[in-house]
C-alpha atoms as a PDB file:
ATOM      1  CA  LEU A   1      95.770 122.920  86.535  1.00  0.00           C
ATOM      2  CA  LEU A   2      96.495 120.873  89.561  1.00  0.00           C
ATOM      3  CA  PHE A   3      95.978 123.910  91.886  1.00  0.00           C
ATOM      4  CA  HIS A   4      93.585 126.017  90.121  1.00  0.00           C
ATOM      5  CA  ASP A   5      92.847 128.999  92.329  1.00  0.00           C
ATOM      6  CA  GLY A   6      95.040 127.687  95.050  1.00  0.00           C
ATOM      7  CA  GLU A   7      92.735 124.878  95.615  1.00  0.00           C
ATOM      8  CA  LEU A   8      93.720 121.238  96.175  1.00  0.00           C
ATOM      9  CA  ARG A   9      90.536 119.638  94.788  1.00  0.00           C
ATOM     10  CA  THR A  10      91.932 118.388  91.566  1.00  0.00           C
ATOM     11  CA  ALA A  11      95.245 117.594  93.212  1.00  0.00           C
ATOM     12  CA  ASP A  12      93.242 115.622  96.073  1.00  0.00           C
ATOM     13  CA  ALA A  13      91.285 113.638  93.383  1.00  0.00           C
ATOM     14  CA  ILE A  14      94.351 112.460  91.843  1.00  0.00           C
ATOM     15  CA  TYR A  15      96.468 111.692  95.014  1.00  0.00           C
ATOM     16  CA  ARG A  16      94.104 110.910  97.368  1.00  0.00           C
ATOM     17  CA  ASP A  17      90.436 110.170  95.998  1.00  0.00           C
ATOM     18  CA  ASN A  18      90.953 107.527  93.420  1.00  0.00           C
ATOM     19  CA  ASP A  19      90.862 103.848  94.018  1.00  0.00           C
ATOM     20  CA  VAL A  20      94.441 103.183  93.073  1.00  0.00           C
ATOM     21  CA  MET A  21      95.952 105.861  95.442  1.00  0.00           C
ATOM     22  CA  ARG A  22      93.471 105.120  98.210  1.00  0.00           C
ATOM     23  CA  GLN A  23      94.933 101.397  98.127  1.00  0.00           C
ATOM     24  CA  CYS A  24      98.603 102.720  98.033  1.00  0.00           C
ATOM     25  CA  ASN A  25      97.672 104.822 100.890  1.00  0.00           C
ATOM     26  CA  ASP A  26      96.263 101.857 102.679  1.00  0.00           C
ATOM     27  CA  VAL A  27      99.409 100.009 102.269  1.00  0.00           C
ATOM     28  CA  LEU A  28     101.570 102.649 103.561  1.00  0.00           C
ATOM     29  CA  ALA A  29      99.311 102.908 106.518  1.00  0.00           C
ATOM     30  CA  GLN A  30      99.470  99.195 107.129  1.00  0.00           C
ATOM     31  CA  ALA A  31     103.291  99.297 106.802  1.00  0.00           C
ATOM     32  CA  ALA A  32     103.402 102.084 109.498  1.00  0.00           C
ATOM     33  CA  ALA A  33     100.986  99.884 111.836  1.00  0.00           C
ATOM     34  CA  ASN A  34     103.542  96.982 111.470  1.00  0.00           C
ATOM     35  CA  LEU A  35     106.305  99.032 112.518  1.00  0.00           C
ATOM     36  CA  VAL A  36     104.478 100.607 115.522  1.00  0.00           C
ATOM     37  CA  ALA A  37     103.387  96.883 116.335  1.00  0.00           C
ATOM     38  CA  ALA A  38     107.044  96.074 116.366  1.00  0.00           C
ATOM     39  CA  SER A  39     108.496  98.948 118.182  1.00  0.00           C
ATOM     40  CA  THR A  40     108.750  99.585 121.969  1.00  0.00           C
ATOM     41  CA  GLU A  41     109.850 103.003 121.354  1.00  0.00           C
ATOM     42  CA  SER A  42     108.202 106.121 119.751  1.00  0.00           C
ATOM     43  CA  LEU A  43     109.153 106.431 116.237  1.00  0.00           C
ATOM     44  CA  ARG A  44     110.894 109.061 114.182  1.00  0.00           C
ATOM     45  CA  VAL A  45     109.636 109.642 110.922  1.00  0.00           C
ATOM     46  CA  ILE A  46     110.527 111.549 107.891  1.00  0.00           C
ATOM     47  CA  GLU A  47     108.160 111.806 104.544  1.00  0.00           C
ATOM     48  CA  LEU A  48     109.991 113.019 101.440  1.00  0.00           C
ATOM     49  CA  GLY A  49     108.098 114.788  99.063  1.00  0.00           C
ATOM     50  CA  ALA A  50     104.953 114.733 100.874  1.00  0.00           C
ATOM     51  CA  GLY A  51     103.053 116.940  98.305  1.00  0.00           C
ATOM     52  CA  THR A  52      99.159 117.309  99.109  1.00  0.00           C
ATOM     53  CA  GLY A  53      99.510 115.233 102.146  1.00  0.00           C
ATOM     54  CA  ALA A  54      97.601 112.379 101.038  1.00  0.00           C
ATOM     55  CA  SER A  55      99.828 109.658 102.320  1.00  0.00           C
ATOM     56  CA  THR A  56     100.391 111.505 105.274  1.00  0.00           C
ATOM     57  CA  ALA A  57      96.794 111.851 106.438  1.00  0.00           C
ATOM     58  CA  SER A  58      96.945 107.837 106.140  1.00  0.00           C
ATOM     59  CA  VAL A  59      99.781 107.437 108.267  1.00  0.00           C
ATOM     60  CA  LEU A  60      99.309 110.163 110.908  1.00  0.00           C
ATOM     61  CA  ARG A  61      96.204 108.068 111.887  1.00  0.00           C
ATOM     62  CA  VAL A  62      98.210 105.200 112.571  1.00  0.00           C
ATOM     63  CA  LEU A  63     101.048 106.859 114.275  1.00  0.00           C
ATOM     64  CA  ASP A  64      99.139 109.136 116.687  1.00  0.00           C
ATOM     65  CA  GLY A  65     100.353 108.429 120.031  1.00  0.00           C
ATOM     66  CA  HIS A  66     103.275 106.477 118.675  1.00  0.00           C
ATOM     67  CA  CYS A  67     105.415 109.073 116.978  1.00  0.00           C
ATOM     68  CA  SER A  68     107.725 111.429 118.719  1.00  0.00           C
ATOM     69  CA  ASP A  69     108.839 113.241 115.318  1.00  0.00           C
ATOM     70  CA  TYR A  70     107.306 113.589 111.920  1.00  0.00           C
ATOM     71  CA  LEU A  71     109.130 115.563 109.364  1.00  0.00           C
ATOM     72  CA  PHE A  72     106.734 116.491 106.568  1.00  0.00           C
ATOM     73  CA  THR A  73     108.846 117.561 103.606  1.00  0.00           C
ATOM     74  CA  ASP A  74     108.441 119.123 100.258  1.00  0.00           C
ATOM     75  CA  VAL A  75     110.333 121.252  97.816  1.00  0.00           C
ATOM     76  CA  SER A  76     107.122 123.379  97.496  1.00  0.00           C
ATOM     77  CA  GLY A  77     106.753 126.284 100.047  1.00  0.00           C
ATOM     78  CA  TYR A  78     102.867 126.447  99.111  1.00  0.00           C
ATOM     79  CA  LEU A  79     102.340 122.585  99.575  1.00  0.00           C
ATOM     80  CA  ILE A  80     104.239 123.071 102.949  1.00  0.00           C
ATOM     81  CA  GLY A  81     101.954 125.882 103.934  1.00  0.00           C
ATOM     82  CA  GLN A  82      98.808 123.813 103.030  1.00  0.00           C
ATOM     83  CA  ALA A  83     100.224 120.863 104.879  1.00  0.00           C
ATOM     84  CA  ARG A  84     100.679 123.133 108.230  1.00  0.00           C
ATOM     85  CA  GLU A  85      96.903 124.225 107.925  1.00  0.00           C
ATOM     86  CA  ARG A  86      95.974 120.460 107.596  1.00  0.00           C
ATOM     87  CA  PHE A  87      98.394 118.775 109.988  1.00  0.00           C
ATOM     88  CA  GLY A  88      99.381 121.624 112.574  1.00  0.00           C
ATOM     89  CA  GLY A  89      97.139 119.980 115.000  1.00  0.00           C
ATOM     90  CA  TYR A  90      99.568 117.031 115.532  1.00  0.00           C
ATOM     91  CA  PRO A  91     102.104 118.383 118.157  1.00  0.00           C
ATOM     92  CA  PHE A  92     105.053 115.782 116.772  1.00  0.00           C
ATOM     93  CA  VAL A  93     104.578 117.009 113.200  1.00  0.00           C
ATOM     94  CA  ARG A  94     107.112 119.321 111.889  1.00  0.00           C
ATOM     95  CA  PHE A  95     107.269 120.875 108.407  1.00  0.00           C
ATOM     96  CA  GLY A  96     110.516 121.671 106.076  1.00  0.00           C
ATOM     97  CA  ARG A  97     111.850 121.738 102.584  1.00  0.00           C
ATOM     98  CA  TYR A  98     113.729 118.666 101.453  1.00  0.00           C
ATOM     99  CA  ASP A  99     114.761 118.073  97.694  1.00  0.00           C
ATOM    100  CA  VAL A 100     115.642 114.437  96.889  1.00  0.00           C
ATOM    101  CA  ASN A 101     118.249 115.283  94.612  1.00  0.00           C
ATOM    102  CA  LEU A 102     120.541 117.013  97.270  1.00  0.00           C
ATOM    103  CA  PRO A 103     122.322 115.494 100.072  1.00  0.00           C
ATOM    104  CA  PRO A 104     120.490 115.479 103.439  1.00  0.00           C
ATOM    105  CA  GLY A 105     123.069 117.339 105.284  1.00  0.00           C
ATOM    106  CA  LEU A 106     123.359 120.148 102.824  1.00  0.00           C
ATOM    107  CA  GLN A 107     119.416 120.637 103.648  1.00  0.00           C
ATOM    108  CA  GLY A 108     119.815 120.393 107.489  1.00  0.00           C
ATOM    109  CA  VAL A 109     118.405 116.800 107.793  1.00  0.00           C
ATOM    110  CA  ARG A 110     120.429 114.436 109.851  1.00  0.00           C
ATOM    111  CA  THR A 111     121.413 111.065 108.605  1.00  0.00           C
ATOM    112  CA  HIS A 112     120.707 108.027 110.365  1.00  0.00           C
ATOM    113  CA  GLY A 113     117.971 109.562 112.353  1.00  0.00           C
ATOM    114  CA  TYR A 114     114.728 107.896 111.209  1.00  0.00           C
ATOM    115  CA  ASP A 115     113.030 104.729 112.081  1.00  0.00           C
ATOM    116  CA  LEU A 116     110.532 105.183 108.860  1.00  0.00           C
ATOM    117  CA  VAL A 117     111.484 106.849 105.621  1.00  0.00           C
ATOM    118  CA  ILE A 118     108.676 107.275 103.408  1.00  0.00           C
ATOM    119  CA  ALA A 119     108.877 108.201  99.852  1.00  0.00           C
ATOM    120  CA  ALA A 120     105.608 107.933  97.955  1.00  0.00           C
ATOM    121  CA  ASN A 121     105.599 109.183  94.332  1.00  0.00           C
ATOM    122  CA  VAL A 122     108.751 111.194  94.731  1.00  0.00           C
ATOM    123  CA  MET A 123     111.399 109.524  93.216  1.00  0.00           C
ATOM    124  CA  HIS A 124     109.855 110.015  89.520  1.00  0.00           C
ATOM    125  CA  ASP A 125     111.003 113.776  90.298  1.00  0.00           C
ATOM    126  CA  ALA A 126     114.691 112.634  90.600  1.00  0.00           C
ATOM    127  CA  PRO A 127     117.121 113.052  87.450  1.00  0.00           C
ATOM    128  CA  ASP A 128     119.071 109.921  89.044  1.00  0.00           C
ATOM    129  CA  SER A 129     116.582 107.949  91.094  1.00  0.00           C
ATOM    130  CA  GLN A 130     119.447 105.431  92.200  1.00  0.00           C
ATOM    131  CA  ASP A 131     121.109 108.509  93.876  1.00  0.00           C
ATOM    132  CA  ALA A 132     118.008 109.640  95.100  1.00  0.00           C
ATOM    133  CA  LEU A 133     116.990 106.343  96.702  1.00  0.00           C
ATOM    134  CA  ARG A 134     120.786 106.037  98.062  1.00  0.00           C
ATOM    135  CA  ARG A 135     120.170 109.601  99.812  1.00  0.00           C
ATOM    136  CA  ALA A 136     117.074 108.409 101.144  1.00  0.00           C
ATOM    137  CA  ALA A 137     118.780 105.475 102.530  1.00  0.00           C
ATOM    138  CA  GLN A 138     121.233 107.410 104.496  1.00  0.00           C
ATOM    139  CA  LEU A 139     118.411 108.859 106.670  1.00  0.00           C
ATOM    140  CA  LEU A 140     117.590 105.391 108.092  1.00  0.00           C
ATOM    141  CA  ALA A 141     118.624 104.781 111.620  1.00  0.00           C
ATOM    142  CA  PRO A 142     120.041 101.179 112.217  1.00  0.00           C
ATOM    143  CA  GLY A 143     116.998  98.714 111.959  1.00  0.00           C
ATOM    144  CA  GLY A 144     114.753 101.572 109.888  1.00  0.00           C
ATOM    145  CA  VAL A 145     112.489 100.921 107.339  1.00  0.00           C
ATOM    146  CA  LEU A 146     112.111 102.617 103.799  1.00  0.00           C
ATOM    147  CA  VAL A 147     108.852 102.259 102.318  1.00  0.00           C
ATOM    148  CA  LEU A 148     108.701 103.355  98.695  1.00  0.00           C
ATOM    149  CA  ILE A 149     105.783 103.864  96.477  1.00  0.00           C
ATOM    150  CA  GLU A 150     106.271 104.593  92.858  1.00  0.00           C
ATOM    151  CA  GLY A 151     104.316 103.868  89.651  1.00  0.00           C
ATOM    152  CA  ILE A 152     106.284 101.883  87.126  1.00  0.00           C
ATOM    153  CA  GLY A 153     104.020 101.512  84.297  1.00  0.00           C
ATOM    154  CA  ALA A 154     102.543 104.145  82.164  1.00  0.00           C
ATOM    155  CA  ASN A 155      99.313 105.266  83.573  1.00  0.00           C
ATOM    156  CA  ARG A 156      96.973 107.645  81.406  1.00  0.00           C
ATOM    157  CA  MET A 157      95.890 109.845  84.427  1.00  0.00           C
ATOM    158  CA  GLN A 158      99.480 110.346  85.508  1.00  0.00           C
ATOM    159  CA  LEU A 159     100.573 111.277  82.034  1.00  0.00           C
ATOM    160  CA  VAL A 160      97.896 113.600  81.452  1.00  0.00           C
ATOM    161  CA  SER A 161      98.686 115.611  84.700  1.00  0.00           C
ATOM    162  CA  LEU A 162     102.242 114.730  85.687  1.00  0.00           C
ATOM    163  CA  GLY A 163     103.118 115.138  81.719  1.00  0.00           C
ATOM    164  CA  LEU A 164     102.302 118.824  82.027  1.00  0.00           C
ATOM    165  CA  LEU A 165     104.644 119.686  84.863  1.00  0.00           C
ATOM    166  CA  GLU A 166     107.890 121.109  84.170  1.00  0.00           C
ATOM    167  CA  GLY A 167     111.028 119.190  85.117  1.00  0.00           C
ATOM    168  CA  LEU A 168     109.680 115.670  85.111  1.00  0.00           C
ATOM    169  CA  SER A 169     111.575 114.793  81.766  1.00  0.00           C
ATOM    170  CA  ALA A 170     114.981 115.840  83.382  1.00  0.00           C
ATOM    171  CA  TYR A 171     115.955 112.519  84.602  1.00  0.00           C
ATOM    172  CA  GLN A 172     119.345 111.097  83.564  1.00  0.00           C
ATOM    173  CA  ASP A 173     119.047 107.522  84.407  1.00  0.00           C
ATOM    174  CA  ASP A 174     117.624 104.521  82.355  1.00  0.00           C
ATOM    175  CA  ARG A 175     114.062 104.187  83.798  1.00  0.00           C
ATOM    176  CA  SER A 176     110.948 102.275  82.316  1.00  0.00           C
ATOM    177  CA  GLY A 177     107.296 102.881  82.810  1.00  0.00           C
ATOM    178  CA  THR A 178     105.789 106.217  83.126  1.00  0.00           C
ATOM    179  CA  LEU A 179     108.653 108.261  82.785  1.00  0.00           C
ATOM    180  CA  ASN A 180     110.039 106.644  79.496  1.00  0.00           C
ATOM    181  CA  ALA A 181     106.630 107.236  78.177  1.00  0.00           C
ATOM    182  CA  LEU A 182     107.034 111.014  78.526  1.00  0.00           C
ATOM    183  CA  ARG A 183     110.256 110.958  76.445  1.00  0.00           C
END
């Protein structure tokens, strides 16, 4: 339903084109801009569960010229392929698989190597969000920043779309908000 006939139109409407997500992506871009302004060096960035690239697009506009390495990650090869087409023109952007449920080292991702770790609407996919957040923190270089965006309340749009996706009810920690509504 989200990717009918391989198109991103529906997913983009959910993750990029609605007012709530547009505001979240603007906040994320502002956080990146603040980091650029405070840094004298080129930034190293990893985006976890980047999905359709809605957040990526907002951030890359700010980071262009200020970033030496941007690793776009997702568990979906399809979404990584779409991102390659969309963001391949940025010479500093790389693409790879990353699962927030596994240790970074087992996935070939260096720990303590990123100035900015972006986790926008991905932690709800983790069976244990605390462990996933600890793994995300392991990616941070000294003085690095983790920007986390995650819905914490029941949202009818998310319940309709995300509630149909397999695996989102596999969490084991005690959460409130959207995921408890899916129980």
